[in-house]
Amino acid sequence: YDIVVIPLLAYDLPSSMAWDVAEIFITSAWTLDLVFTFFRGFEGVSGVEMRINKIARHYLTTWFIFDVIVIGLDWVLWAMSGSD
């Protein structure tokens, strides 16, 4: 979805209910993925790490900030598009 839609944003495409529903669905899926990442193990030095506190620390110090910025921007853009 993102690979197709993001380049199309360069054009002034008409809005439709299908696009709006797809945008909410995809943004919600990415938001849930952010939460689920706290419960997904990672490859550590001594093997796969599955302890929640270690997973959370690893995620918070690697991709978390980037993910929050990108997903937060998606939600802000969606909220702003509703005010048109």
N, C-alpha and C. Protein backbone atom coordinates (compact mmCIF):
# COMPACT_ATOMS: atom_id res chain seq x y z
N TYR A 1 0.83 -1.19 0.00
CA TYR A 1 0.00 0.00 0.00
C TYR A 1 0.86 1.25 0.00
N ASP A 2 1.78 1.38 0.95
CA ASP A 2 2.61 2.58 1.06
C ASP A 2 3.48 2.78 -0.18
N ILE A 3 3.99 1.69 -0.75
CA ILE A 3 4.84 1.80 -1.95
C ILE A 3 4.06 2.38 -3.12
N VAL A 4 2.79 2.08 -3.21
CA VAL A 4 1.97 2.59 -4.30
C VAL A 4 1.44 3.99 -3.99
N VAL A 5 0.97 4.21 -2.80
CA VAL A 5 0.25 5.44 -2.47
C VAL A 5 1.19 6.63 -2.29
N ILE A 6 2.32 6.47 -1.64
CA ILE A 6 3.20 7.61 -1.36
C ILE A 6 3.63 8.33 -2.64
N PRO A 7 4.07 7.64 -3.69
CA PRO A 7 4.38 8.37 -4.93
C PRO A 7 3.17 9.07 -5.54
N LEU A 8 1.98 8.50 -5.37
CA LEU A 8 0.78 9.12 -5.92
C LEU A 8 0.40 10.41 -5.20
N LEU A 9 0.93 10.63 -4.01
CA LEU A 9 0.63 11.85 -3.27
C LEU A 9 1.17 13.09 -3.96
N ALA A 10 2.09 12.92 -4.90
CA ALA A 10 2.62 14.04 -5.66
C ALA A 10 1.56 14.63 -6.59
N TYR A 11 0.52 13.87 -6.87
CA TYR A 11 -0.56 14.32 -7.75
C TYR A 11 -1.79 14.66 -6.91
N ASP A 12 -2.61 15.53 -7.42
CA ASP A 12 -3.83 15.94 -6.72
C ASP A 12 -4.96 14.97 -7.06
N LEU A 13 -4.95 13.82 -6.40
CA LEU A 13 -5.96 12.80 -6.67
C LEU A 13 -7.23 13.10 -5.89
N PRO A 14 -8.38 12.77 -6.47
CA PRO A 14 -9.63 13.00 -5.73
C PRO A 14 -9.73 12.08 -4.51
N SER A 15 -10.32 12.59 -3.46
CA SER A 15 -10.50 11.80 -2.24
C SER A 15 -11.68 10.86 -2.40
N SER A 16 -11.58 9.70 -1.78
CA SER A 16 -12.70 8.76 -1.81
C SER A 16 -12.76 8.03 -0.49
N MET A 17 -13.89 7.45 -0.21
CA MET A 17 -14.07 6.71 1.03
C MET A 17 -13.13 5.51 1.09
N ALA A 18 -12.89 4.86 -0.06
CA ALA A 18 -11.99 3.70 -0.09
C ALA A 18 -10.58 4.09 0.31
N TRP A 19 -10.07 5.21 -0.19
CA TRP A 19 -8.73 5.67 0.18
C TRP A 19 -8.67 6.00 1.66
N ASP A 20 -9.72 6.65 2.17
CA ASP A 20 -9.75 7.02 3.58
C ASP A 20 -9.74 5.79 4.49
N VAL A 21 -10.54 4.79 4.14
CA VAL A 21 -10.60 3.56 4.94
C VAL A 21 -9.26 2.83 4.88
N ALA A 22 -8.67 2.76 3.69
CA ALA A 22 -7.37 2.09 3.55
C ALA A 22 -6.30 2.82 4.36
N GLU A 23 -6.33 4.15 4.34
CA GLU A 23 -5.34 4.92 5.10
C GLU A 23 -5.47 4.67 6.60
N ILE A 24 -6.69 4.66 7.11
CA ILE A 24 -6.91 4.39 8.54
C ILE A 24 -6.47 2.97 8.88
N PHE A 25 -6.83 2.02 8.03
CA PHE A 25 -6.48 0.62 8.28
C PHE A 25 -4.96 0.44 8.34
N ILE A 26 -4.24 0.99 7.36
CA ILE A 26 -2.80 0.82 7.31
C ILE A 26 -2.11 1.53 8.47
N THR A 27 -2.54 2.75 8.79
CA THR A 27 -1.95 3.48 9.91
C THR A 27 -2.22 2.75 11.23
N SER A 28 -3.40 2.19 11.37
CA SER A 28 -3.71 1.41 12.57
C SER A 28 -2.86 0.15 12.66
N ALA A 29 -2.63 -0.49 11.52
CA ALA A 29 -1.79 -1.68 11.50
C ALA A 29 -0.36 -1.35 11.92
N TRP A 30 0.18 -0.23 11.44
CA TRP A 30 1.53 0.18 11.84
C TRP A 30 1.58 0.53 13.32
N THR A 31 0.51 1.13 13.82
CA THR A 31 0.45 1.47 15.25
C THR A 31 0.44 0.20 16.10
N LEU A 32 -0.34 -0.79 15.70
CA LEU A 32 -0.35 -2.07 16.41
C LEU A 32 1.00 -2.77 16.32
N ASP A 33 1.66 -2.65 15.17
CA ASP A 33 2.98 -3.25 15.01
C ASP A 33 3.98 -2.63 15.99
N LEU A 34 3.86 -1.33 16.22
CA LEU A 34 4.73 -0.66 17.20
C LEU A 34 4.55 -1.30 18.57
N VAL A 35 3.31 -1.54 18.97
CA VAL A 35 3.03 -2.16 20.27
C VAL A 35 3.54 -3.60 20.30
N PHE A 36 3.25 -4.35 19.24
CA PHE A 36 3.65 -5.76 19.20
C PHE A 36 5.17 -5.94 19.21
N THR A 37 5.90 -4.95 18.74
CA THR A 37 7.36 -5.05 18.71
C THR A 37 7.94 -5.20 20.11
N PHE A 38 7.24 -4.71 21.12
CA PHE A 38 7.70 -4.87 22.50
C PHE A 38 7.64 -6.33 22.96
N PHE A 39 6.96 -7.17 22.21
CA PHE A 39 6.82 -8.58 22.58
C PHE A 39 7.48 -9.52 21.57
N ARG A 40 8.25 -8.98 20.66
CA ARG A 40 8.91 -9.75 19.62
C ARG A 40 10.39 -9.86 19.96
N GLY A 41 10.91 -11.04 20.02
CA GLY A 41 12.30 -11.24 20.38
C GLY A 41 13.26 -10.68 19.35
N PHE A 42 14.52 -10.62 19.73
CA PHE A 42 15.56 -10.15 18.82
C PHE A 42 16.79 -11.01 18.99
N GLU A 43 17.64 -10.99 17.99
CA GLU A 43 18.87 -11.77 18.01
C GLU A 43 19.92 -11.02 18.82
N GLY A 44 20.26 -11.58 19.97
CA GLY A 44 21.28 -11.00 20.83
C GLY A 44 22.62 -11.68 20.63
N VAL A 45 23.58 -11.32 21.45
CA VAL A 45 24.92 -11.89 21.35
C VAL A 45 24.90 -13.39 21.63
N SER A 46 24.10 -13.79 22.61
CA SER A 46 24.09 -15.20 23.00
C SER A 46 22.86 -15.96 22.49
N GLY A 47 22.21 -15.46 21.46
CA GLY A 47 21.04 -16.13 20.89
C GLY A 47 19.83 -15.22 20.89
N VAL A 48 18.67 -15.82 20.69
CA VAL A 48 17.43 -15.06 20.63
C VAL A 48 17.03 -14.63 22.03
N GLU A 49 16.80 -13.34 22.21
CA GLU A 49 16.40 -12.78 23.50
C GLU A 49 14.88 -12.65 23.54
N MET A 50 14.25 -13.26 24.54
CA MET A 50 12.80 -13.25 24.65
C MET A 50 12.29 -12.64 25.95
N ARG A 51 13.16 -12.12 26.78
CA ARG A 51 12.72 -11.48 28.02
C ARG A 51 12.18 -10.08 27.70
N ILE A 52 10.96 -9.81 28.20
CA ILE A 52 10.25 -8.58 27.87
C ILE A 52 11.08 -7.34 28.21
N ASN A 53 11.70 -7.31 29.37
CA ASN A 53 12.47 -6.12 29.74
C ASN A 53 13.66 -5.90 28.81
N LYS A 54 14.30 -6.95 28.37
CA LYS A 54 15.42 -6.84 27.43
C LYS A 54 14.93 -6.40 26.05
N ILE A 55 13.78 -6.97 25.63
CA ILE A 55 13.21 -6.60 24.34
C ILE A 55 12.84 -5.11 24.35
N ALA A 56 12.18 -4.66 25.41
CA ALA A 56 11.77 -3.26 25.50
C ALA A 56 12.98 -2.34 25.49
N ARG A 57 13.99 -2.65 26.26
CA ARG A 57 15.20 -1.82 26.29
C ARG A 57 15.86 -1.76 24.91
N HIS A 58 15.94 -2.91 24.25
CA HIS A 58 16.54 -2.96 22.92
C HIS A 58 15.74 -2.12 21.93
N TYR A 59 14.42 -2.27 21.92
CA TYR A 59 13.57 -1.52 20.99
C TYR A 59 13.62 -0.02 21.29
N LEU A 60 13.57 0.35 22.55
CA LEU A 60 13.60 1.77 22.92
C LEU A 60 14.91 2.43 22.53
N THR A 61 15.98 1.66 22.45
CA THR A 61 17.28 2.25 22.11
C THR A 61 17.65 2.07 20.63
N THR A 62 16.76 1.45 19.84
CA THR A 62 17.07 1.27 18.42
C THR A 62 16.03 1.98 17.55
N TRP A 63 14.95 1.32 17.20
CA TRP A 63 14.01 1.84 16.22
C TRP A 63 12.81 2.58 16.79
N PHE A 64 12.62 2.58 18.08
CA PHE A 64 11.39 3.13 18.67
C PHE A 64 11.15 4.59 18.29
N ILE A 65 12.14 5.45 18.46
CA ILE A 65 11.97 6.87 18.18
C ILE A 65 11.59 7.09 16.72
N PHE A 66 12.29 6.43 15.82
CA PHE A 66 11.97 6.53 14.40
C PHE A 66 10.52 6.09 14.14
N ASP A 67 10.13 4.94 14.69
CA ASP A 67 8.78 4.43 14.49
C ASP A 67 7.72 5.40 15.02
N VAL A 68 7.95 5.96 16.20
CA VAL A 68 6.99 6.90 16.78
C VAL A 68 6.86 8.15 15.91
N ILE A 69 7.98 8.65 15.41
CA ILE A 69 7.93 9.84 14.55
C ILE A 69 7.14 9.56 13.28
N VAL A 70 7.44 8.46 12.62
CA VAL A 70 6.76 8.13 11.36
C VAL A 70 5.28 7.87 11.58
N ILE A 71 4.94 7.07 12.58
CA ILE A 71 3.53 6.75 12.83
C ILE A 71 2.80 7.98 13.35
N GLY A 72 3.45 8.76 14.21
CA GLY A 72 2.83 10.00 14.69
C GLY A 72 2.55 10.96 13.55
N LEU A 73 3.49 11.07 12.62
CA LEU A 73 3.28 11.93 11.45
C LEU A 73 2.11 11.43 10.61
N ASP A 74 1.99 10.12 10.45
CA ASP A 74 0.84 9.56 9.73
C ASP A 74 -0.47 10.00 10.38
N TRP A 75 -0.55 9.89 11.71
CA TRP A 75 -1.79 10.26 12.40
C TRP A 75 -2.05 11.77 12.32
N VAL A 76 -1.00 12.58 12.42
CA VAL A 76 -1.17 14.03 12.32
C VAL A 76 -1.65 14.41 10.93
N LEU A 77 -1.04 13.83 9.89
CA LEU A 77 -1.46 14.13 8.53
C LEU A 77 -2.91 13.68 8.29
N TRP A 78 -3.27 12.54 8.84
CA TRP A 78 -4.65 12.07 8.69
C TRP A 78 -5.62 13.04 9.38
N ALA A 79 -5.28 13.49 10.58
CA ALA A 79 -6.14 14.43 11.30
C ALA A 79 -6.26 15.76 10.57
N MET A 80 -5.16 16.20 9.99
CA MET A 80 -5.18 17.46 9.25
C MET A 80 -5.96 17.33 7.94
N SER A 81 -5.93 16.17 7.33
CA SER A 81 -6.67 15.99 6.07
C SER A 81 -8.17 15.99 6.31
N GLY A 82 -8.58 15.63 7.51
CA GLY A 82 -10.00 15.64 7.84
C GLY A 82 -10.56 17.04 8.01
N SER A 83 -9.69 18.03 8.18
CA SER A 83 -10.17 19.41 8.38
C SER A 83 -10.32 20.16 7.07
N ASP A 84 -10.09 19.50 5.92
CA ASP A 84 -10.23 20.17 4.61
C ASP A 84 -11.66 20.47 4.29
